[in-house]
Amino acid sequence: MRAALSLQRAASLRVPLRVQALCRHLASRPVTSLSARSSIAARIPTGITRHRTAATIKPEGTTASAEAAPMSAEEAAAIAAAAKGIPDSGDPTIFDKIIAKEIPATVVYEDDLCLAFRDVNPQAPVHILVIPKVRAGLTQLSKAVPEHKALLGHLMYTAQEVAKSEKLDAGFRLVINDGPEGCQSVYHLHIHILGGRQMKWPPG
């Protein structure tokens, strides 16, 4: 079962064909020992991103783990959104409904250009989203054009003002997810403000 799930995940994540072939090999000939897994990992050419499989394969010089890291709900949502073609649809998102007051949100800041509200699934003691009120094609950061420069600057400035209002004087982190591999599930540009605890590095 685990090997079958690995094959499905490899296909959904657009894993290179040579790595998919390795996944099929693992499915047909289960590997049980850590040393055997390390031997298989060594057969993957350098320069290819090691995507997670049932036996997580890491770059040379590291130890392969016996179990894959579980996929989070956000990762699954990002993959599902990409599979449905949502990034290119331009359809209204949940954020449009929040802006229209159709869905309640705990708003902490609002002006003519943007809205800031608390994330309903916080990943830190303070977790706030800052979004533009009008997307104008700004579904994700990589879609930005020169006309978006002023708005992007306003969003960043607003983010630090909100952080100050939340008393995050010891520091905070700003995060913008972009595309499926950036774990973006809502295609309406948004900035995450995270604070209130010690952040880790490297992230994600």
N, C-alpha and C. Protein backbone atom coordinates (compact mmCIF):
# COMPACT_ATOMS: atom_id res chain seq x y z
N MET A 1 0.83 -1.21 0.00
CA MET A 1 0.00 0.00 0.00
C MET A 1 0.86 1.25 0.00
N ARG A 2 1.90 1.27 0.85
CA ARG A 2 2.76 2.45 0.93
C ARG A 2 3.47 2.70 -0.39
N ALA A 3 3.92 1.63 -1.06
CA ALA A 3 4.59 1.79 -2.34
C ALA A 3 3.63 2.34 -3.39
N ALA A 4 2.35 1.86 -3.35
CA ALA A 4 1.35 2.35 -4.31
C ALA A 4 1.11 3.83 -4.13
N LEU A 5 1.00 4.25 -2.86
CA LEU A 5 0.82 5.67 -2.59
C LEU A 5 2.01 6.48 -3.07
N SER A 6 3.21 5.89 -2.93
CA SER A 6 4.42 6.57 -3.40
C SER A 6 4.37 6.82 -4.90
N LEU A 7 3.89 5.82 -5.66
CA LEU A 7 3.79 5.96 -7.11
C LEU A 7 2.79 7.04 -7.48
N GLN A 8 1.64 7.08 -6.77
CA GLN A 8 0.64 8.09 -7.04
C GLN A 8 1.19 9.48 -6.76
N ARG A 9 1.91 9.64 -5.65
CA ARG A 9 2.47 10.94 -5.30
C ARG A 9 3.53 11.35 -6.31
N ALA A 10 4.34 10.41 -6.77
CA ALA A 10 5.38 10.72 -7.76
C ALA A 10 4.76 11.28 -9.02
N ALA A 11 3.64 10.66 -9.47
CA ALA A 11 3.00 11.13 -10.69
C ALA A 11 2.40 12.50 -10.51
N SER A 12 1.74 12.73 -9.33
CA SER A 12 1.06 14.01 -9.09
C SER A 12 2.03 15.16 -8.93
N LEU A 13 3.26 14.88 -8.48
CA LEU A 13 4.24 15.95 -8.25
C LEU A 13 5.17 16.17 -9.45
N ARG A 14 4.88 15.52 -10.57
CA ARG A 14 5.71 15.67 -11.76
C ARG A 14 7.17 15.30 -11.47
N VAL A 15 7.33 14.18 -10.80
CA VAL A 15 8.67 13.69 -10.47
C VAL A 15 9.35 13.22 -11.76
N PRO A 16 10.66 13.49 -11.94
CA PRO A 16 11.37 13.03 -13.14
C PRO A 16 11.15 11.55 -13.41
N LEU A 17 11.09 11.17 -14.70
CA LEU A 17 10.77 9.80 -15.09
C LEU A 17 11.72 8.78 -14.47
N ARG A 18 13.01 9.13 -14.36
CA ARG A 18 13.98 8.17 -13.81
C ARG A 18 13.69 7.90 -12.35
N VAL A 19 13.19 8.91 -11.63
CA VAL A 19 12.84 8.70 -10.23
C VAL A 19 11.56 7.89 -10.13
N GLN A 20 10.60 8.15 -11.06
CA GLN A 20 9.37 7.35 -11.07
C GLN A 20 9.70 5.88 -11.31
N ALA A 21 10.68 5.63 -12.19
CA ALA A 21 11.07 4.25 -12.46
C ALA A 21 11.62 3.60 -11.20
N LEU A 22 12.35 4.37 -10.41
CA LEU A 22 12.88 3.85 -9.16
C LEU A 22 11.75 3.50 -8.21
N CYS A 23 10.69 4.37 -8.19
CA CYS A 23 9.54 4.09 -7.33
C CYS A 23 8.88 2.77 -7.73
N ARG A 24 8.78 2.52 -9.07
CA ARG A 24 8.20 1.26 -9.52
C ARG A 24 9.06 0.07 -9.08
N HIS A 25 10.37 0.28 -9.11
CA HIS A 25 11.27 -0.77 -8.66
C HIS A 25 11.04 -1.08 -7.19
N LEU A 26 10.86 -0.03 -6.39
CA LEU A 26 10.61 -0.23 -4.96
C LEU A 26 9.29 -0.95 -4.74
N ALA A 27 8.29 -0.65 -5.60
CA ALA A 27 6.98 -1.27 -5.44
C ALA A 27 7.04 -2.76 -5.75
N SER A 28 7.83 -3.15 -6.76
CA SER A 28 7.90 -4.54 -7.17
C SER A 28 8.87 -5.36 -6.32
N ARG A 29 9.89 -4.67 -5.75
CA ARG A 29 10.88 -5.36 -4.92
C ARG A 29 11.06 -4.58 -3.64
N PRO A 30 10.16 -4.83 -2.64
CA PRO A 30 10.21 -4.06 -1.39
C PRO A 30 11.59 -4.07 -0.76
N VAL A 31 12.04 -2.90 -0.31
CA VAL A 31 13.32 -2.77 0.36
C VAL A 31 13.08 -2.64 1.84
N THR A 32 13.73 -3.45 2.62
CA THR A 32 13.47 -3.44 4.06
C THR A 32 14.63 -2.91 4.87
N SER A 33 15.83 -3.01 4.38
CA SER A 33 16.98 -2.58 5.18
C SER A 33 17.40 -1.16 4.83
N LEU A 34 17.90 -0.45 5.82
CA LEU A 34 18.36 0.92 5.61
C LEU A 34 19.55 0.95 4.67
N SER A 35 20.43 -0.04 4.77
CA SER A 35 21.60 -0.08 3.91
C SER A 35 21.18 -0.27 2.45
N ALA A 36 20.13 -1.07 2.23
CA ALA A 36 19.65 -1.29 0.86
C ALA A 36 19.08 -0.01 0.30
N ARG A 37 18.35 0.73 1.13
CA ARG A 37 17.79 2.01 0.68
C ARG A 37 18.91 2.98 0.29
N SER A 38 19.97 2.99 1.11
CA SER A 38 21.09 3.88 0.81
C SER A 38 21.72 3.52 -0.52
N SER A 39 21.78 2.21 -0.81
CA SER A 39 22.35 1.76 -2.08
C SER A 39 21.50 2.24 -3.24
N ILE A 40 20.18 2.18 -3.10
CA ILE A 40 19.28 2.65 -4.16
C ILE A 40 19.42 4.14 -4.34
N ALA A 41 19.51 4.88 -3.22
CA ALA A 41 19.63 6.34 -3.30
C ALA A 41 20.86 6.74 -4.10
N ALA A 42 21.93 5.94 -3.97
CA ALA A 42 23.18 6.27 -4.65
C ALA A 42 23.05 6.15 -6.16
N ARG A 43 22.02 5.41 -6.63
CA ARG A 43 21.84 5.21 -8.06
C ARG A 43 21.12 6.37 -8.73
N ILE A 44 20.55 7.29 -7.95
CA ILE A 44 19.87 8.44 -8.53
C ILE A 44 20.93 9.46 -8.93
N PRO A 45 20.94 9.92 -10.17
CA PRO A 45 21.98 10.86 -10.60
C PRO A 45 21.94 12.16 -9.82
N THR A 46 23.10 12.75 -9.64
CA THR A 46 23.16 14.04 -8.95
C THR A 46 22.50 15.10 -9.80
N GLY A 47 21.99 16.14 -9.14
CA GLY A 47 21.34 17.22 -9.86
C GLY A 47 19.84 17.03 -9.98
N ILE A 48 19.34 15.82 -9.64
CA ILE A 48 17.90 15.58 -9.68
C ILE A 48 17.35 15.79 -8.29
N THR A 49 16.28 16.58 -8.18
CA THR A 49 15.67 16.85 -6.88
C THR A 49 15.14 15.55 -6.29
N ARG A 50 15.48 15.31 -5.06
CA ARG A 50 15.01 14.10 -4.38
C ARG A 50 13.61 14.35 -3.84
N HIS A 51 12.57 13.91 -4.57
CA HIS A 51 11.21 14.02 -4.07
C HIS A 51 10.96 12.89 -3.09
N ARG A 52 10.03 13.13 -2.17
CA ARG A 52 9.76 12.14 -1.15
C ARG A 52 9.05 10.92 -1.73
N THR A 53 9.52 9.73 -1.37
CA THR A 53 8.85 8.49 -1.71
C THR A 53 8.63 7.75 -0.41
N ALA A 54 8.16 6.50 -0.50
CA ALA A 54 7.92 5.73 0.72
C ALA A 54 9.20 5.61 1.53
N ALA A 55 10.32 5.46 0.87
CA ALA A 55 11.61 5.51 1.56
C ALA A 55 12.26 6.82 1.14
N THR A 56 12.23 7.80 2.00
CA THR A 56 12.72 9.14 1.63
C THR A 56 14.16 9.08 1.19
N ILE A 57 14.45 9.64 0.01
CA ILE A 57 15.80 9.62 -0.55
C ILE A 57 16.40 10.99 -0.41
N LYS A 58 17.55 11.08 0.19
CA LYS A 58 18.20 12.35 0.43
C LYS A 58 19.48 12.44 -0.40
N PRO A 59 20.01 13.67 -0.57
CA PRO A 59 21.25 13.83 -1.35
C PRO A 59 22.40 13.06 -0.73
N GLU A 60 23.46 12.88 -1.55
CA GLU A 60 24.63 12.14 -1.10
C GLU A 60 25.19 12.72 0.19
N GLY A 61 25.68 11.83 1.05
CA GLY A 61 26.29 12.28 2.29
C GLY A 61 25.31 12.35 3.44
N THR A 62 24.02 12.05 3.17
CA THR A 62 23.04 12.05 4.24
C THR A 62 22.45 10.66 4.36
N THR A 63 21.77 10.41 5.45
CA THR A 63 21.19 9.09 5.70
C THR A 63 19.74 9.07 5.27
N ALA A 64 19.35 8.08 4.49
CA ALA A 64 17.97 7.95 4.06
C ALA A 64 17.11 7.56 5.25
N SER A 65 15.96 8.21 5.42
CA SER A 65 15.08 7.88 6.52
C SER A 65 14.19 6.72 6.14
N ALA A 66 13.76 5.97 7.12
CA ALA A 66 12.97 4.77 6.86
C ALA A 66 11.53 5.11 6.51
N GLU A 67 11.05 6.27 6.95
CA GLU A 67 9.67 6.65 6.70
C GLU A 67 9.61 8.00 6.01
N ALA A 68 8.61 8.19 5.13
CA ALA A 68 8.42 9.47 4.48
C ALA A 68 7.79 10.45 5.45
N ALA A 69 8.14 11.75 5.33
CA ALA A 69 7.49 12.76 6.14
C ALA A 69 6.04 12.87 5.69
N PRO A 70 5.08 12.93 6.62
CA PRO A 70 3.67 12.98 6.23
C PRO A 70 3.36 14.26 5.49
N MET A 71 2.46 14.19 4.51
CA MET A 71 2.05 15.36 3.76
C MET A 71 1.04 16.15 4.58
N SER A 72 1.26 17.45 4.70
CA SER A 72 0.36 18.30 5.46
C SER A 72 -0.89 18.60 4.65
N ALA A 73 -1.92 19.10 5.33
CA ALA A 73 -3.16 19.47 4.66
C ALA A 73 -2.91 20.57 3.64
N GLU A 74 -2.00 21.52 3.96
CA GLU A 74 -1.72 22.60 3.03
C GLU A 74 -1.02 22.09 1.77
N GLU A 75 -0.09 21.13 1.94
CA GLU A 75 0.58 20.55 0.79
C GLU A 75 -0.44 19.86 -0.12
N ALA A 76 -1.35 19.08 0.50
CA ALA A 76 -2.37 18.38 -0.27
C ALA A 76 -3.28 19.37 -0.99
N ALA A 77 -3.65 20.47 -0.31
CA ALA A 77 -4.51 21.48 -0.93
C ALA A 77 -3.82 22.16 -2.10
N ALA A 78 -2.52 22.42 -1.97
CA ALA A 78 -1.77 23.06 -3.04
C ALA A 78 -1.69 22.17 -4.27
N ILE A 79 -1.45 20.88 -4.06
CA ILE A 79 -1.38 19.93 -5.16
C ILE A 79 -2.74 19.78 -5.83
N ALA A 80 -3.81 19.73 -5.01
CA ALA A 80 -5.16 19.59 -5.54
C ALA A 80 -5.55 20.82 -6.36
N ALA A 81 -5.18 22.01 -5.89
CA ALA A 81 -5.50 23.24 -6.61
C ALA A 81 -4.83 23.26 -7.97
N ALA A 82 -3.58 22.83 -8.03
CA ALA A 82 -2.86 22.80 -9.30
C ALA A 82 -3.47 21.78 -10.25
N ALA A 83 -3.87 20.62 -9.70
CA ALA A 83 -4.45 19.57 -10.53
C ALA A 83 -5.78 20.00 -11.15
N LYS A 84 -6.52 20.86 -10.44
CA LYS A 84 -7.82 21.33 -10.93
C LYS A 84 -7.68 22.51 -11.88
N GLY A 85 -6.46 22.99 -12.07
CA GLY A 85 -6.26 24.12 -12.95
C GLY A 85 -6.65 25.45 -12.34
N ILE A 86 -6.78 25.49 -11.03
CA ILE A 86 -7.21 26.71 -10.34
C ILE A 86 -6.25 27.88 -10.56
N PRO A 87 -4.92 27.66 -10.62
CA PRO A 87 -4.01 28.80 -10.80
C PRO A 87 -4.33 29.66 -12.02
N ASP A 88 -4.83 29.04 -13.08
CA ASP A 88 -5.07 29.78 -14.33
C ASP A 88 -6.54 30.12 -14.55
N SER A 89 -7.39 29.77 -13.59
CA SER A 89 -8.83 29.95 -13.81
C SER A 89 -9.28 31.40 -13.61
N GLY A 90 -8.65 32.10 -12.66
CA GLY A 90 -9.07 33.46 -12.36
C GLY A 90 -10.39 33.53 -11.63
N ASP A 91 -10.90 32.39 -11.17
CA ASP A 91 -12.18 32.36 -10.46
C ASP A 91 -12.06 33.04 -9.10
N PRO A 92 -13.19 33.54 -8.56
CA PRO A 92 -13.17 34.14 -7.22
C PRO A 92 -12.67 33.12 -6.19
N THR A 93 -11.96 33.61 -5.20
CA THR A 93 -11.43 32.75 -4.15
C THR A 93 -12.12 33.06 -2.83
N ILE A 94 -11.75 32.29 -1.82
CA ILE A 94 -12.29 32.53 -0.49
C ILE A 94 -11.94 33.93 0.01
N PHE A 95 -10.80 34.46 -0.44
CA PHE A 95 -10.41 35.82 -0.03
C PHE A 95 -11.35 36.88 -0.62
N ASP A 96 -11.82 36.64 -1.85
CA ASP A 96 -12.78 37.58 -2.44
C ASP A 96 -14.05 37.61 -1.59
N LYS A 97 -14.44 36.47 -1.06
CA LYS A 97 -15.64 36.40 -0.23
C LYS A 97 -15.42 37.10 1.11
N ILE A 98 -14.19 37.02 1.62
CA ILE A 98 -13.88 37.73 2.87
C ILE A 98 -13.90 39.24 2.63
N ILE A 99 -13.34 39.67 1.51
CA ILE A 99 -13.34 41.09 1.17
C ILE A 99 -14.78 41.61 1.02
N ALA A 100 -15.64 40.78 0.42
CA ALA A 100 -17.05 41.16 0.21
C ALA A 100 -17.89 40.99 1.47
N LYS A 101 -17.27 40.57 2.57
CA LYS A 101 -17.96 40.36 3.85
C LYS A 101 -18.98 39.22 3.78
N GLU A 102 -18.79 38.32 2.82
CA GLU A 102 -19.67 37.16 2.72
C GLU A 102 -19.24 36.06 3.68
N ILE A 103 -17.97 36.08 4.06
CA ILE A 103 -17.42 35.13 5.02
C ILE A 103 -16.80 35.95 6.14
N PRO A 104 -17.11 35.63 7.41
CA PRO A 104 -16.55 36.41 8.51
C PRO A 104 -15.05 36.19 8.66
N ALA A 105 -14.36 37.22 9.12
CA ALA A 105 -12.93 37.14 9.39
C ALA A 105 -12.60 38.14 10.49
N THR A 106 -11.55 37.85 11.23
CA THR A 106 -11.10 38.76 12.27
C THR A 106 -10.13 39.75 11.64
N VAL A 107 -10.66 40.89 11.22
CA VAL A 107 -9.87 41.90 10.52
C VAL A 107 -9.08 42.73 11.53
N VAL A 108 -7.79 42.91 11.25
CA VAL A 108 -6.94 43.72 12.13
C VAL A 108 -6.52 45.02 11.48
N TYR A 109 -6.67 45.09 10.15
CA TYR A 109 -6.31 46.32 9.44
C TYR A 109 -7.02 46.33 8.08
N GLU A 110 -7.42 47.54 7.67
CA GLU A 110 -8.05 47.67 6.36
C GLU A 110 -7.85 49.10 5.84
N ASP A 111 -7.55 49.20 4.54
CA ASP A 111 -7.53 50.51 3.89
C ASP A 111 -8.09 50.33 2.49
N ASP A 112 -7.92 51.31 1.63
CA ASP A 112 -8.51 51.24 0.29
C ASP A 112 -7.90 50.15 -0.58
N LEU A 113 -6.66 49.76 -0.28
CA LEU A 113 -5.95 48.83 -1.15
C LEU A 113 -5.83 47.41 -0.61
N CYS A 114 -5.83 47.26 0.70
CA CYS A 114 -5.59 45.93 1.25
C CYS A 114 -6.38 45.66 2.52
N LEU A 115 -6.35 44.40 2.89
CA LEU A 115 -7.05 43.92 4.08
C LEU A 115 -6.13 42.95 4.82
N ALA A 116 -6.11 43.04 6.14
CA ALA A 116 -5.31 42.12 6.96
C ALA A 116 -6.22 41.46 7.99
N PHE A 117 -6.12 40.16 8.09
CA PHE A 117 -6.99 39.42 9.02
C PHE A 117 -6.25 38.19 9.55
N ARG A 118 -6.73 37.67 10.65
CA ARG A 118 -6.07 36.53 11.30
C ARG A 118 -6.36 35.23 10.55
N ASP A 119 -5.31 34.42 10.41
CA ASP A 119 -5.44 33.12 9.76
C ASP A 119 -6.27 32.19 10.65
N VAL A 120 -7.21 31.46 10.05
CA VAL A 120 -8.06 30.56 10.84
C VAL A 120 -7.32 29.30 11.24
N ASN A 121 -6.17 29.05 10.63
CA ASN A 121 -5.35 27.89 10.99
C ASN A 121 -3.94 28.38 11.31
N PRO A 122 -3.79 29.10 12.43
CA PRO A 122 -2.50 29.75 12.73
C PRO A 122 -1.36 28.76 12.93
N GLN A 123 -0.20 29.15 12.39
CA GLN A 123 1.02 28.36 12.52
C GLN A 123 2.01 29.01 13.50
N ALA A 124 1.56 30.04 14.18
CA ALA A 124 2.36 30.74 15.18
C ALA A 124 1.37 31.49 16.08
N PRO A 125 1.82 31.94 17.27
CA PRO A 125 0.91 32.70 18.14
C PRO A 125 0.27 33.89 17.42
N VAL A 126 1.02 34.52 16.53
CA VAL A 126 0.46 35.57 15.67
C VAL A 126 0.61 35.11 14.23
N HIS A 127 -0.50 34.99 13.54
CA HIS A 127 -0.49 34.58 12.13
C HIS A 127 -1.57 35.37 11.42
N ILE A 128 -1.14 36.34 10.63
CA ILE A 128 -2.05 37.26 9.95
C ILE A 128 -1.77 37.24 8.45
N LEU A 129 -2.82 37.36 7.66
CA LEU A 129 -2.69 37.43 6.21
C LEU A 129 -2.97 38.85 5.74
N VAL A 130 -2.14 39.33 4.82
CA VAL A 130 -2.35 40.64 4.19
C VAL A 130 -2.61 40.39 2.72
N ILE A 131 -3.76 40.87 2.22
CA ILE A 131 -4.14 40.60 0.84
C ILE A 131 -4.54 41.90 0.13
N PRO A 132 -4.34 41.97 -1.18
CA PRO A 132 -4.85 43.12 -1.93
C PRO A 132 -6.36 42.97 -2.09
N LYS A 133 -7.09 44.07 -2.04
CA LYS A 133 -8.54 44.00 -2.20
C LYS A 133 -8.93 43.68 -3.64
N VAL A 134 -8.11 44.12 -4.59
CA VAL A 134 -8.35 43.84 -6.00
C VAL A 134 -7.14 43.09 -6.53
N ARG A 135 -7.37 41.89 -7.04
CA ARG A 135 -6.24 41.08 -7.52
C ARG A 135 -5.60 41.68 -8.76
N ALA A 136 -6.42 42.12 -9.70
CA ALA A 136 -5.91 42.71 -10.95
C ALA A 136 -4.84 41.81 -11.60
N GLY A 137 -5.11 40.49 -11.62
CA GLY A 137 -4.18 39.54 -12.21
C GLY A 137 -3.09 39.06 -11.26
N LEU A 138 -3.05 39.62 -10.06
CA LEU A 138 -2.01 39.25 -9.10
C LEU A 138 -2.44 38.02 -8.30
N THR A 139 -2.57 36.91 -9.01
CA THR A 139 -2.95 35.67 -8.35
C THR A 139 -1.79 35.08 -7.56
N GLN A 140 -0.58 35.34 -8.00
CA GLN A 140 0.61 34.89 -7.28
C GLN A 140 1.75 35.86 -7.60
N LEU A 141 2.78 35.83 -6.77
CA LEU A 141 3.86 36.80 -6.92
C LEU A 141 4.54 36.69 -8.28
N SER A 142 4.68 35.48 -8.78
CA SER A 142 5.36 35.29 -10.07
C SER A 142 4.56 35.85 -11.25
N LYS A 143 3.33 36.26 -11.02
CA LYS A 143 2.51 36.87 -12.07
C LYS A 143 2.60 38.40 -12.05
N ALA A 144 3.40 38.94 -11.16
CA ALA A 144 3.49 40.40 -11.03
C ALA A 144 4.09 41.02 -12.28
N VAL A 145 3.59 42.20 -12.62
CA VAL A 145 4.08 42.99 -13.75
C VAL A 145 4.45 44.37 -13.22
N PRO A 146 5.13 45.19 -14.01
CA PRO A 146 5.54 46.51 -13.51
C PRO A 146 4.42 47.33 -12.89
N GLU A 147 3.19 47.18 -13.41
CA GLU A 147 2.07 47.94 -12.86
C GLU A 147 1.73 47.56 -11.42
N HIS A 148 2.24 46.41 -10.96
CA HIS A 148 1.94 45.96 -9.60
C HIS A 148 2.94 46.47 -8.57
N LYS A 149 3.99 47.15 -9.01
CA LYS A 149 5.06 47.54 -8.08
C LYS A 149 4.54 48.36 -6.90
N ALA A 150 3.71 49.34 -7.17
CA ALA A 150 3.20 50.20 -6.09
C ALA A 150 2.37 49.40 -5.10
N LEU A 151 1.52 48.52 -5.62
CA LEU A 151 0.68 47.70 -4.74
C LEU A 151 1.52 46.75 -3.91
N LEU A 152 2.52 46.12 -4.53
CA LEU A 152 3.38 45.20 -3.79
C LEU A 152 4.12 45.94 -2.67
N GLY A 153 4.59 47.14 -2.95
CA GLY A 153 5.26 47.93 -1.92
C GLY A 153 4.31 48.28 -0.79
N HIS A 154 3.07 48.60 -1.15
CA HIS A 154 2.08 48.94 -0.13
C HIS A 154 1.78 47.73 0.76
N LEU A 155 1.70 46.55 0.15
CA LEU A 155 1.43 45.34 0.93
C LEU A 155 2.57 45.06 1.92
N MET A 156 3.80 45.22 1.46
CA MET A 156 4.94 44.97 2.34
C MET A 156 4.99 46.01 3.47
N TYR A 157 4.75 47.25 3.13
CA TYR A 157 4.75 48.30 4.16
C TYR A 157 3.65 48.03 5.18
N THR A 158 2.47 47.66 4.69
CA THR A 158 1.36 47.36 5.59
C THR A 158 1.69 46.18 6.50
N ALA A 159 2.37 45.18 5.96
CA ALA A 159 2.72 44.00 6.75
C ALA A 159 3.57 44.38 7.96
N GLN A 160 4.57 45.24 7.75
CA GLN A 160 5.41 45.61 8.89
C GLN A 160 4.67 46.52 9.87
N GLU A 161 3.73 47.33 9.36
CA GLU A 161 2.91 48.15 10.26
C GLU A 161 2.01 47.27 11.12
N VAL A 162 1.43 46.24 10.52
CA VAL A 162 0.59 45.30 11.28
C VAL A 162 1.44 44.56 12.31
N ALA A 163 2.65 44.15 11.92
CA ALA A 163 3.54 43.47 12.87
C ALA A 163 3.85 44.35 14.06
N LYS A 164 4.06 45.64 13.82
CA LYS A 164 4.30 46.57 14.92
C LYS A 164 3.08 46.66 15.84
N SER A 165 1.89 46.72 15.23
CA SER A 165 0.67 46.83 16.03
C SER A 165 0.42 45.59 16.87
N GLU A 166 1.01 44.45 16.44
CA GLU A 166 0.88 43.19 17.17
C GLU A 166 1.99 43.01 18.21
N LYS A 167 2.82 44.05 18.38
CA LYS A 167 3.91 44.03 19.36
C LYS A 167 4.96 42.97 19.05
N LEU A 168 5.22 42.75 17.78
CA LEU A 168 6.23 41.76 17.40
C LEU A 168 7.60 42.43 17.32
N ASP A 169 7.97 43.13 18.38
CA ASP A 169 9.21 43.89 18.41
C ASP A 169 10.46 43.02 18.36
N ALA A 170 10.35 41.76 18.81
CA ALA A 170 11.51 40.87 18.82
C ALA A 170 11.75 40.24 17.45
N GLY A 171 10.83 40.44 16.53
CA GLY A 171 11.01 39.90 15.18
C GLY A 171 9.78 39.17 14.68
N PHE A 172 9.74 38.96 13.38
CA PHE A 172 8.63 38.25 12.75
C PHE A 172 9.10 37.75 11.40
N ARG A 173 8.28 36.96 10.76
CA ARG A 173 8.62 36.42 9.45
C ARG A 173 7.49 36.70 8.47
N LEU A 174 7.86 37.09 7.23
CA LEU A 174 6.89 37.27 6.16
C LEU A 174 7.08 36.13 5.16
N VAL A 175 5.97 35.53 4.75
CA VAL A 175 6.02 34.40 3.83
C VAL A 175 5.04 34.63 2.69
N ILE A 176 5.50 34.40 1.45
CA ILE A 176 4.63 34.41 0.29
C ILE A 176 4.81 33.07 -0.42
N ASN A 177 3.77 32.26 -0.44
CA ASN A 177 3.81 30.99 -1.15
C ASN A 177 3.50 31.23 -2.62
N ASP A 178 4.23 30.55 -3.51
CA ASP A 178 4.02 30.77 -4.94
C ASP A 178 4.00 29.43 -5.68
N GLY A 179 2.86 29.11 -6.25
CA GLY A 179 2.73 27.89 -7.05
C GLY A 179 2.63 26.63 -6.20
N PRO A 180 2.39 25.49 -6.84
CA PRO A 180 2.20 24.23 -6.11
C PRO A 180 3.40 23.81 -5.27
N GLU A 181 4.62 23.97 -5.81
CA GLU A 181 5.79 23.57 -5.03
C GLU A 181 6.11 24.60 -3.95
N GLY A 182 5.53 25.79 -4.06
CA GLY A 182 5.64 26.79 -3.00
C GLY A 182 4.51 26.66 -1.99
N CYS A 183 3.68 25.62 -2.18
CA CYS A 183 2.57 25.30 -1.27
C CYS A 183 1.48 26.37 -1.29
N GLN A 184 1.22 26.95 -2.46
CA GLN A 184 0.14 27.93 -2.58
C GLN A 184 -1.16 27.21 -2.92
N SER A 185 -2.18 27.41 -2.09
CA SER A 185 -3.47 26.76 -2.32
C SER A 185 -4.56 27.75 -2.67
N VAL A 186 -4.38 29.04 -2.33
CA VAL A 186 -5.35 30.09 -2.68
C VAL A 186 -4.67 31.04 -3.66
N TYR A 187 -5.22 31.14 -4.86
CA TYR A 187 -4.58 31.95 -5.89
C TYR A 187 -5.11 33.38 -5.91
N HIS A 188 -4.79 34.04 -4.83
CA HIS A 188 -5.02 35.47 -4.60
C HIS A 188 -3.83 35.86 -3.74
N LEU A 189 -2.90 36.62 -4.31
CA LEU A 189 -1.66 36.92 -3.60
C LEU A 189 -1.92 37.28 -2.14
N HIS A 190 -1.14 36.69 -1.24
CA HIS A 190 -1.28 37.02 0.18
C HIS A 190 0.06 36.86 0.89
N ILE A 191 0.27 37.72 1.86
CA ILE A 191 1.48 37.70 2.66
C ILE A 191 1.15 37.16 4.05
N HIS A 192 1.87 36.15 4.48
CA HIS A 192 1.71 35.63 5.84
C HIS A 192 2.62 36.41 6.78
N ILE A 193 2.08 36.91 7.87
CA ILE A 193 2.89 37.48 8.95
C ILE A 193 2.89 36.46 10.08
N LEU A 194 4.06 35.97 10.43
CA LEU A 194 4.20 34.97 11.50
C LEU A 194 5.08 35.53 12.60
N GLY A 195 4.64 35.39 13.84
CA GLY A 195 5.45 35.90 14.95
C GLY A 195 4.95 35.41 16.28
N GLY A 196 5.62 35.86 17.32
CA GLY A 196 5.23 35.45 18.67
C GLY A 196 5.97 34.24 19.18
N ARG A 197 6.89 33.71 18.38
CA ARG A 197 7.73 32.58 18.80
C ARG A 197 9.03 32.62 18.01
N GLN A 198 10.00 31.82 18.47
CA GLN A 198 11.27 31.74 17.75
C GLN A 198 11.08 30.98 16.45
N MET A 199 11.41 31.60 15.32
CA MET A 199 11.32 30.93 14.04
C MET A 199 12.53 30.01 13.85
N LYS A 200 12.36 28.99 13.02
CA LYS A 200 13.42 28.02 12.75
C LYS A 200 14.04 28.29 11.38
N TRP A 201 15.23 27.75 11.16
CA TRP A 201 15.88 27.84 9.87
C TRP A 201 16.66 26.57 9.60
N PRO A 202 16.61 26.03 8.40
CA PRO A 202 15.89 26.57 7.25
C PRO A 202 14.40 26.34 7.35
N PRO A 203 13.60 27.18 6.69
CA PRO A 203 12.15 26.99 6.72
C PRO A 203 11.74 25.85 5.79
N GLY A 204 10.55 25.32 6.04
CA GLY A 204 9.90 24.33 5.17
C GLY A 204 10.78 23.46 4.36
